């Protein structure tokens, strides 16, 4: 199995573990001030993130240029899977999380990232910030 397939399978498994999309669909309104950017380890080419929402629900997730990704929200959990489209480091802020209202906050529950050869990165550095 190629490394890309291994990463894709891992992404699908993480999304399934979150239970898929729920009846409590993504909130449609977003607040311009309520955003969190995610910075990820330079060695990473693909990552799966499991976040836990705070008071304000996640309304949308945007992926930076050169990044393909998807997310599933099963309140209060949000699973995000992303992969670099080229064999280069992910951009400085490959993920932009937008909240329905308020200050918007999430905490990182679990993270798994793979490097260029498809190997899991031990303790990858992931930062949530504004």
N, C-alpha and C. Protein backbone atom coordinates (compact mmCIF):
# COMPACT_ATOMS: atom_id res chain seq x y z
N UNK A 1 0.85 -1.17 0.00
CA UNK A 1 0.00 0.00 0.00
C UNK A 1 0.90 1.24 0.00
N UNK A 2 0.63 2.18 -0.90
CA UNK A 2 1.45 3.38 -0.96
C UNK A 2 1.19 4.27 0.24
N UNK A 3 2.13 5.19 0.48
CA UNK A 3 2.00 6.08 1.62
C UNK A 3 0.79 6.99 1.50
N UNK A 4 0.48 7.45 0.30
CA UNK A 4 -0.68 8.31 0.11
C UNK A 4 -1.96 7.56 0.48
N UNK A 5 -2.04 6.30 0.10
CA UNK A 5 -3.22 5.50 0.42
C UNK A 5 -3.30 5.29 1.92
N UNK A 6 -2.17 5.06 2.59
CA UNK A 6 -2.16 4.89 4.04
C UNK A 6 -2.72 6.14 4.72
N UNK A 7 -2.27 7.31 4.27
CA UNK A 7 -2.73 8.57 4.86
C UNK A 7 -4.22 8.75 4.59
N UNK A 8 -4.66 8.46 3.38
CA UNK A 8 -6.09 8.61 3.03
C UNK A 8 -6.96 7.68 3.89
N UNK A 9 -6.51 6.46 4.08
CA UNK A 9 -7.25 5.51 4.91
C UNK A 9 -7.32 6.02 6.35
N UNK A 10 -6.22 6.54 6.86
CA UNK A 10 -6.21 7.08 8.21
C UNK A 10 -7.19 8.24 8.35
N UNK A 11 -7.27 9.10 7.33
CA UNK A 11 -8.20 10.24 7.35
C UNK A 11 -9.64 9.75 7.39
N UNK A 12 -9.96 8.80 6.58
CA UNK A 12 -11.33 8.26 6.54
C UNK A 12 -11.69 7.63 7.87
N UNK A 13 -10.76 6.88 8.46
CA UNK A 13 -11.03 6.23 9.74
C UNK A 13 -11.29 7.26 10.84
N UNK A 14 -10.53 8.36 10.83
CA UNK A 14 -10.74 9.40 11.82
C UNK A 14 -12.12 10.02 11.66
N UNK A 15 -12.51 10.30 10.43
CA UNK A 15 -13.82 10.89 10.19
C UNK A 15 -14.94 9.95 10.62
N UNK A 16 -14.77 8.66 10.36
CA UNK A 16 -15.77 7.69 10.78
C UNK A 16 -15.85 7.59 12.30
N UNK A 17 -14.71 7.72 12.97
CA UNK A 17 -14.69 7.65 14.43
C UNK A 17 -15.48 8.79 15.05
N UNK A 18 -15.60 9.89 14.34
CA UNK A 18 -16.36 11.03 14.85
C UNK A 18 -17.85 10.87 14.59
N UNK A 19 -18.25 9.83 13.91
CA UNK A 19 -19.66 9.56 13.72
C UNK A 19 -20.27 10.20 12.51
N UNK A 20 -19.48 10.82 11.66
CA UNK A 20 -20.02 11.44 10.45
C UNK A 20 -20.79 12.70 10.77
N UNK A 21 -21.40 13.26 9.77
CA UNK A 21 -22.16 14.49 9.93
C UNK A 21 -23.45 14.19 10.68
N UNK A 22 -23.84 15.07 11.55
CA UNK A 22 -25.02 14.85 12.36
C UNK A 22 -26.20 15.68 11.86
N UNK A 23 -27.33 15.54 12.52
CA UNK A 23 -28.50 16.35 12.19
C UNK A 23 -28.30 17.79 12.62
N UNK A 24 -27.32 18.01 13.45
CA UNK A 24 -27.05 19.34 13.98
C UNK A 24 -26.09 20.04 13.01
N UNK A 25 -26.45 20.13 11.76
CA UNK A 25 -25.61 20.62 10.65
C UNK A 25 -24.75 21.80 11.06
N UNK A 26 -23.79 22.12 10.20
CA UNK A 26 -22.88 23.22 10.46
C UNK A 26 -23.66 24.52 10.57
N UNK A 27 -23.41 25.31 11.61
CA UNK A 27 -24.06 26.61 11.68
C UNK A 27 -23.74 27.42 10.43
N UNK A 28 -24.68 28.23 9.96
CA UNK A 28 -24.48 28.93 8.70
C UNK A 28 -23.89 30.31 8.85
N UNK A 29 -24.08 30.95 9.98
CA UNK A 29 -23.57 32.30 10.19
C UNK A 29 -22.17 32.22 10.80
N UNK A 30 -21.30 33.13 10.37
CA UNK A 30 -19.97 33.20 10.98
C UNK A 30 -19.70 34.62 11.42
N UNK A 31 -18.89 34.75 12.43
CA UNK A 31 -18.47 36.05 12.93
C UNK A 31 -17.07 36.32 12.40
N UNK A 32 -16.85 37.49 11.82
CA UNK A 32 -15.55 37.83 11.25
C UNK A 32 -14.45 37.81 12.31
N UNK A 33 -14.79 38.16 13.55
CA UNK A 33 -13.79 38.20 14.62
C UNK A 33 -13.52 36.82 15.22
N UNK A 34 -14.44 35.91 15.04
CA UNK A 34 -14.35 34.61 15.70
C UNK A 34 -13.67 33.60 14.79
N UNK A 35 -12.33 33.63 14.80
CA UNK A 35 -11.56 32.72 13.96
C UNK A 35 -10.35 32.21 14.73
N UNK A 36 -9.95 31.02 14.38
CA UNK A 36 -8.72 30.44 14.93
C UNK A 36 -7.93 29.85 13.77
N UNK A 37 -6.66 30.17 13.70
CA UNK A 37 -5.80 29.57 12.68
C UNK A 37 -5.01 28.44 13.32
N UNK A 38 -4.76 27.43 12.52
CA UNK A 38 -4.01 26.26 12.98
C UNK A 38 -2.65 26.26 12.27
N UNK A 39 -1.58 26.18 13.04
CA UNK A 39 -0.23 26.04 12.48
C UNK A 39 0.23 24.62 12.77
N UNK A 40 0.88 24.00 11.77
CA UNK A 40 1.25 22.59 11.87
C UNK A 40 2.73 22.40 11.59
N UNK A 41 3.31 21.43 12.26
CA UNK A 41 4.71 21.03 12.12
C UNK A 41 5.19 21.07 10.67
N UNK A 42 6.38 21.66 10.44
CA UNK A 42 6.94 21.78 9.08
C UNK A 42 7.18 20.43 8.41
N UNK A 43 7.37 19.38 9.20
CA UNK A 43 7.64 18.06 8.62
C UNK A 43 6.39 17.41 8.06
N UNK A 44 5.23 17.89 8.45
CA UNK A 44 3.96 17.24 8.10
C UNK A 44 3.56 17.49 6.65
N UNK A 45 3.04 16.45 6.02
CA UNK A 45 2.45 16.55 4.68
C UNK A 45 0.95 16.26 4.74
N UNK A 46 0.52 15.58 5.82
CA UNK A 46 -0.90 15.27 6.03
C UNK A 46 -1.15 15.17 7.53
N UNK A 47 -2.33 15.60 7.96
CA UNK A 47 -2.67 15.54 9.38
C UNK A 47 -4.16 15.28 9.57
N UNK A 48 -4.45 14.63 10.69
CA UNK A 48 -5.81 14.45 11.18
C UNK A 48 -5.85 15.12 12.55
N UNK A 49 -6.80 16.01 12.74
CA UNK A 49 -6.95 16.72 14.00
C UNK A 49 -8.32 16.41 14.58
N UNK A 50 -8.38 16.20 15.87
CA UNK A 50 -9.65 16.07 16.56
C UNK A 50 -9.72 17.20 17.58
N UNK A 51 -10.71 18.08 17.41
CA UNK A 51 -10.87 19.24 18.26
C UNK A 51 -12.14 19.11 19.08
N UNK A 52 -12.17 19.83 20.19
CA UNK A 52 -13.37 19.91 21.02
C UNK A 52 -13.77 21.38 21.09
N UNK A 53 -15.04 21.65 20.75
CA UNK A 53 -15.54 23.02 20.74
C UNK A 53 -15.71 23.56 22.16
N UNK A 54 -15.58 24.90 22.25
CA UNK A 54 -15.90 25.60 23.50
C UNK A 54 -17.34 26.08 23.44
N UNK A 55 -17.57 27.33 23.85
CA UNK A 55 -18.92 27.89 23.91
C UNK A 55 -19.54 28.17 22.55
N UNK A 56 -18.73 28.53 21.58
CA UNK A 56 -19.25 28.88 20.26
C UNK A 56 -18.98 27.74 19.28
N UNK A 57 -20.00 27.25 18.56
CA UNK A 57 -19.78 26.14 17.64
C UNK A 57 -18.96 26.53 16.42
N UNK A 58 -18.25 25.57 15.87
CA UNK A 58 -17.52 25.78 14.62
C UNK A 58 -18.55 25.90 13.50
N UNK A 59 -18.43 26.99 12.73
CA UNK A 59 -19.37 27.22 11.63
C UNK A 59 -18.80 26.76 10.30
N UNK A 60 -17.48 26.85 10.14
CA UNK A 60 -16.87 26.49 8.87
C UNK A 60 -15.37 26.31 9.06
N UNK A 61 -14.76 25.57 8.16
CA UNK A 61 -13.32 25.37 8.16
C UNK A 61 -12.82 25.65 6.75
N UNK A 62 -11.83 26.51 6.63
CA UNK A 62 -11.24 26.85 5.33
C UNK A 62 -9.81 26.32 5.29
N UNK A 63 -9.41 25.87 4.11
CA UNK A 63 -8.06 25.32 3.93
C UNK A 63 -7.26 26.27 3.04
N UNK A 64 -5.98 26.44 3.40
CA UNK A 64 -5.11 27.36 2.68
C UNK A 64 -4.75 26.86 1.28
N UNK A 65 -4.12 27.73 0.53
CA UNK A 65 -3.68 27.40 -0.82
C UNK A 65 -2.69 26.24 -0.78
N UNK A 66 -2.87 25.29 -1.67
CA UNK A 66 -2.00 24.14 -1.72
C UNK A 66 -2.37 23.03 -0.75
N UNK A 67 -3.52 23.19 -0.09
CA UNK A 67 -3.97 22.21 0.90
C UNK A 67 -5.37 21.73 0.51
N UNK A 68 -5.58 20.44 0.58
CA UNK A 68 -6.91 19.87 0.38
C UNK A 68 -7.33 19.26 1.70
N UNK A 69 -8.59 19.46 2.05
CA UNK A 69 -9.03 18.91 3.32
C UNK A 69 -10.54 18.81 3.42
N UNK A 70 -10.95 18.24 4.53
CA UNK A 70 -12.37 18.10 4.83
C UNK A 70 -12.53 18.11 6.34
N UNK A 71 -13.77 18.35 6.77
CA UNK A 71 -14.03 18.30 8.20
C UNK A 71 -15.43 17.77 8.45
N UNK A 72 -15.61 17.23 9.64
CA UNK A 72 -16.91 16.73 10.09
C UNK A 72 -17.12 17.27 11.50
N UNK A 73 -18.30 17.84 11.71
CA UNK A 73 -18.65 18.36 13.03
C UNK A 73 -19.73 17.49 13.64
N UNK A 74 -19.43 16.91 14.76
CA UNK A 74 -20.38 16.13 15.57
C UNK A 74 -20.24 16.73 16.96
N UNK A 75 -21.00 17.81 17.22
CA UNK A 75 -20.83 18.61 18.43
C UNK A 75 -20.73 17.73 19.68
N UNK A 76 -19.77 18.01 20.54
CA UNK A 76 -18.85 19.14 20.51
C UNK A 76 -17.51 18.82 19.82
N UNK A 77 -17.45 17.73 19.06
CA UNK A 77 -16.19 17.36 18.41
C UNK A 77 -16.18 17.80 16.95
N UNK A 78 -14.97 18.13 16.48
CA UNK A 78 -14.77 18.48 15.07
C UNK A 78 -13.52 17.73 14.60
N UNK A 79 -13.69 16.90 13.57
CA UNK A 79 -12.55 16.18 12.99
C UNK A 79 -12.14 16.89 11.71
N UNK A 80 -10.84 17.14 11.57
CA UNK A 80 -10.31 17.81 10.39
C UNK A 80 -9.21 16.93 9.81
N UNK A 81 -9.28 16.68 8.50
CA UNK A 81 -8.23 15.94 7.79
C UNK A 81 -7.74 16.82 6.67
N UNK A 82 -6.42 16.90 6.52
CA UNK A 82 -5.85 17.72 5.46
C UNK A 82 -4.58 17.09 4.92
N UNK A 83 -4.28 17.46 3.67
CA UNK A 83 -3.09 16.94 3.02
C UNK A 83 -2.53 18.01 2.09
N UNK A 84 -1.20 18.11 2.04
CA UNK A 84 -0.55 19.04 1.12
C UNK A 84 -0.69 18.49 -0.30
N UNK A 85 -0.98 19.36 -1.24
CA UNK A 85 -1.17 18.93 -2.63
C UNK A 85 0.16 18.66 -3.33
N UNK A 86 1.24 19.21 -2.81
CA UNK A 86 2.60 19.00 -3.33
C UNK A 86 3.44 18.40 -2.21
N UNK A 87 4.59 17.86 -2.56
CA UNK A 87 5.49 17.30 -1.55
C UNK A 87 6.33 18.43 -0.95
N UNK A 88 5.63 19.35 -0.28
CA UNK A 88 6.26 20.46 0.42
C UNK A 88 5.58 20.61 1.77
N UNK A 89 6.22 21.38 2.63
CA UNK A 89 5.62 21.63 3.94
C UNK A 89 4.27 22.32 3.78
N UNK A 90 3.39 22.08 4.70
CA UNK A 90 2.10 22.77 4.71
C UNK A 90 2.34 24.27 4.90
N UNK A 91 1.46 25.12 4.38
CA UNK A 91 1.64 26.57 4.57
C UNK A 91 1.65 26.93 6.05
N UNK A 92 2.04 28.16 6.36
CA UNK A 92 2.15 28.61 7.75
C UNK A 92 0.85 28.42 8.52
N UNK A 93 -0.28 28.68 7.89
CA UNK A 93 -1.59 28.48 8.53
C UNK A 93 -2.50 27.75 7.54
N UNK A 94 -2.37 26.43 7.46
CA UNK A 94 -3.12 25.68 6.46
C UNK A 94 -4.61 25.55 6.74
N UNK A 95 -5.02 25.84 7.98
CA UNK A 95 -6.43 25.69 8.36
C UNK A 95 -6.89 26.95 9.08
N UNK A 96 -8.07 27.44 8.70
CA UNK A 96 -8.68 28.59 9.33
C UNK A 96 -10.06 28.15 9.82
N UNK A 97 -10.24 28.11 11.13
CA UNK A 97 -11.49 27.66 11.73
C UNK A 97 -12.34 28.89 12.03
N UNK A 98 -13.60 28.87 11.58
CA UNK A 98 -14.50 30.01 11.79
C UNK A 98 -15.65 29.57 12.68
N UNK A 99 -16.01 30.47 13.60
CA UNK A 99 -17.03 30.17 14.60
C UNK A 99 -18.31 30.93 14.33
N UNK A 100 -19.41 30.41 14.87
CA UNK A 100 -20.72 31.03 14.66
C UNK A 100 -20.81 32.39 15.33
N UNK A 101 -20.23 32.54 16.51
CA UNK A 101 -20.31 33.81 17.22
C UNK A 101 -19.32 33.81 18.37
N UNK A 102 -19.27 34.93 19.05
CA UNK A 102 -18.43 35.02 20.24
C UNK A 102 -16.95 34.90 19.93
N UNK A 103 -16.19 34.69 20.97
CA UNK A 103 -14.74 34.61 20.83
C UNK A 103 -14.32 33.35 20.08
N UNK A 104 -15.10 32.30 20.17
CA UNK A 104 -14.78 31.06 19.48
C UNK A 104 -13.52 30.43 20.02
N UNK A 105 -13.65 29.24 20.53
CA UNK A 105 -12.47 28.53 21.02
C UNK A 105 -12.63 27.04 20.81
N UNK A 106 -11.53 26.40 20.57
CA UNK A 106 -11.47 24.95 20.45
C UNK A 106 -10.23 24.48 21.18
N UNK A 107 -10.24 23.24 21.60
CA UNK A 107 -9.04 22.65 22.19
C UNK A 107 -8.68 21.43 21.36
N UNK A 108 -7.42 21.13 21.33
CA UNK A 108 -6.91 20.01 20.56
C UNK A 108 -6.99 18.75 21.41
N UNK A 109 -7.76 17.77 20.94
CA UNK A 109 -7.93 16.52 21.68
C UNK A 109 -6.94 15.46 21.20
N UNK A 110 -6.74 15.38 19.89
CA UNK A 110 -5.83 14.37 19.33
C UNK A 110 -5.30 14.88 18.00
N UNK A 111 -4.10 14.48 17.66
CA UNK A 111 -3.51 14.86 16.38
C UNK A 111 -2.62 13.73 15.89
N UNK A 112 -2.69 13.47 14.60
CA UNK A 112 -1.81 12.51 13.95
C UNK A 112 -1.37 13.11 12.64
N UNK A 113 -0.08 13.13 12.41
CA UNK A 113 0.46 13.69 11.18
C UNK A 113 1.45 12.70 10.56
N UNK A 114 1.56 12.79 9.23
CA UNK A 114 2.50 11.95 8.49
C UNK A 114 3.48 12.84 7.75
N UNK A 115 4.71 12.34 7.61
CA UNK A 115 5.73 13.11 6.89
C UNK A 115 5.73 12.73 5.41
N UNK A 116 6.72 13.20 4.67
CA UNK A 116 6.77 13.00 3.22
C UNK A 116 6.84 11.53 2.83
N UNK A 117 7.39 10.68 3.69
CA UNK A 117 7.47 9.26 3.36
C UNK A 117 6.27 8.47 3.88
N UNK A 118 5.31 9.17 4.50
CA UNK A 118 4.11 8.51 5.00
C UNK A 118 4.25 7.98 6.41
N UNK A 119 5.40 8.21 7.03
CA UNK A 119 5.62 7.76 8.40
C UNK A 119 4.96 8.72 9.38
N UNK A 120 4.44 8.17 10.48
CA UNK A 120 3.81 8.98 11.51
C UNK A 120 4.88 9.83 12.19
N UNK A 121 4.56 11.09 12.42
CA UNK A 121 5.47 12.01 13.13
C UNK A 121 5.15 11.90 14.62
N UNK A 122 6.16 11.55 15.40
CA UNK A 122 5.99 11.49 16.85
C UNK A 122 5.85 12.89 17.41
N UNK A 123 4.80 13.14 18.17
CA UNK A 123 4.55 14.41 18.84
C UNK A 123 4.68 15.62 17.90
N UNK A 124 3.85 15.66 16.86
CA UNK A 124 3.94 16.80 15.94
C UNK A 124 3.49 18.10 16.63
N UNK A 125 4.13 19.21 16.26
CA UNK A 125 3.80 20.49 16.85
C UNK A 125 2.59 21.09 16.11
N UNK A 126 1.50 21.30 16.83
CA UNK A 126 0.29 21.91 16.28
C UNK A 126 -0.09 23.04 17.22
N UNK A 127 -0.31 24.23 16.66
CA UNK A 127 -0.62 25.41 17.45
C UNK A 127 -1.96 25.99 17.00
N UNK A 128 -2.82 26.29 17.96
CA UNK A 128 -4.08 26.96 17.69
C UNK A 128 -3.93 28.40 18.14
N UNK A 129 -4.24 29.35 17.26
CA UNK A 129 -4.10 30.75 17.63
C UNK A 129 -4.89 31.66 16.73
N UNK A 130 -4.85 32.92 17.00
CA UNK A 130 -5.59 33.91 16.22
C UNK A 130 -4.68 34.60 15.25
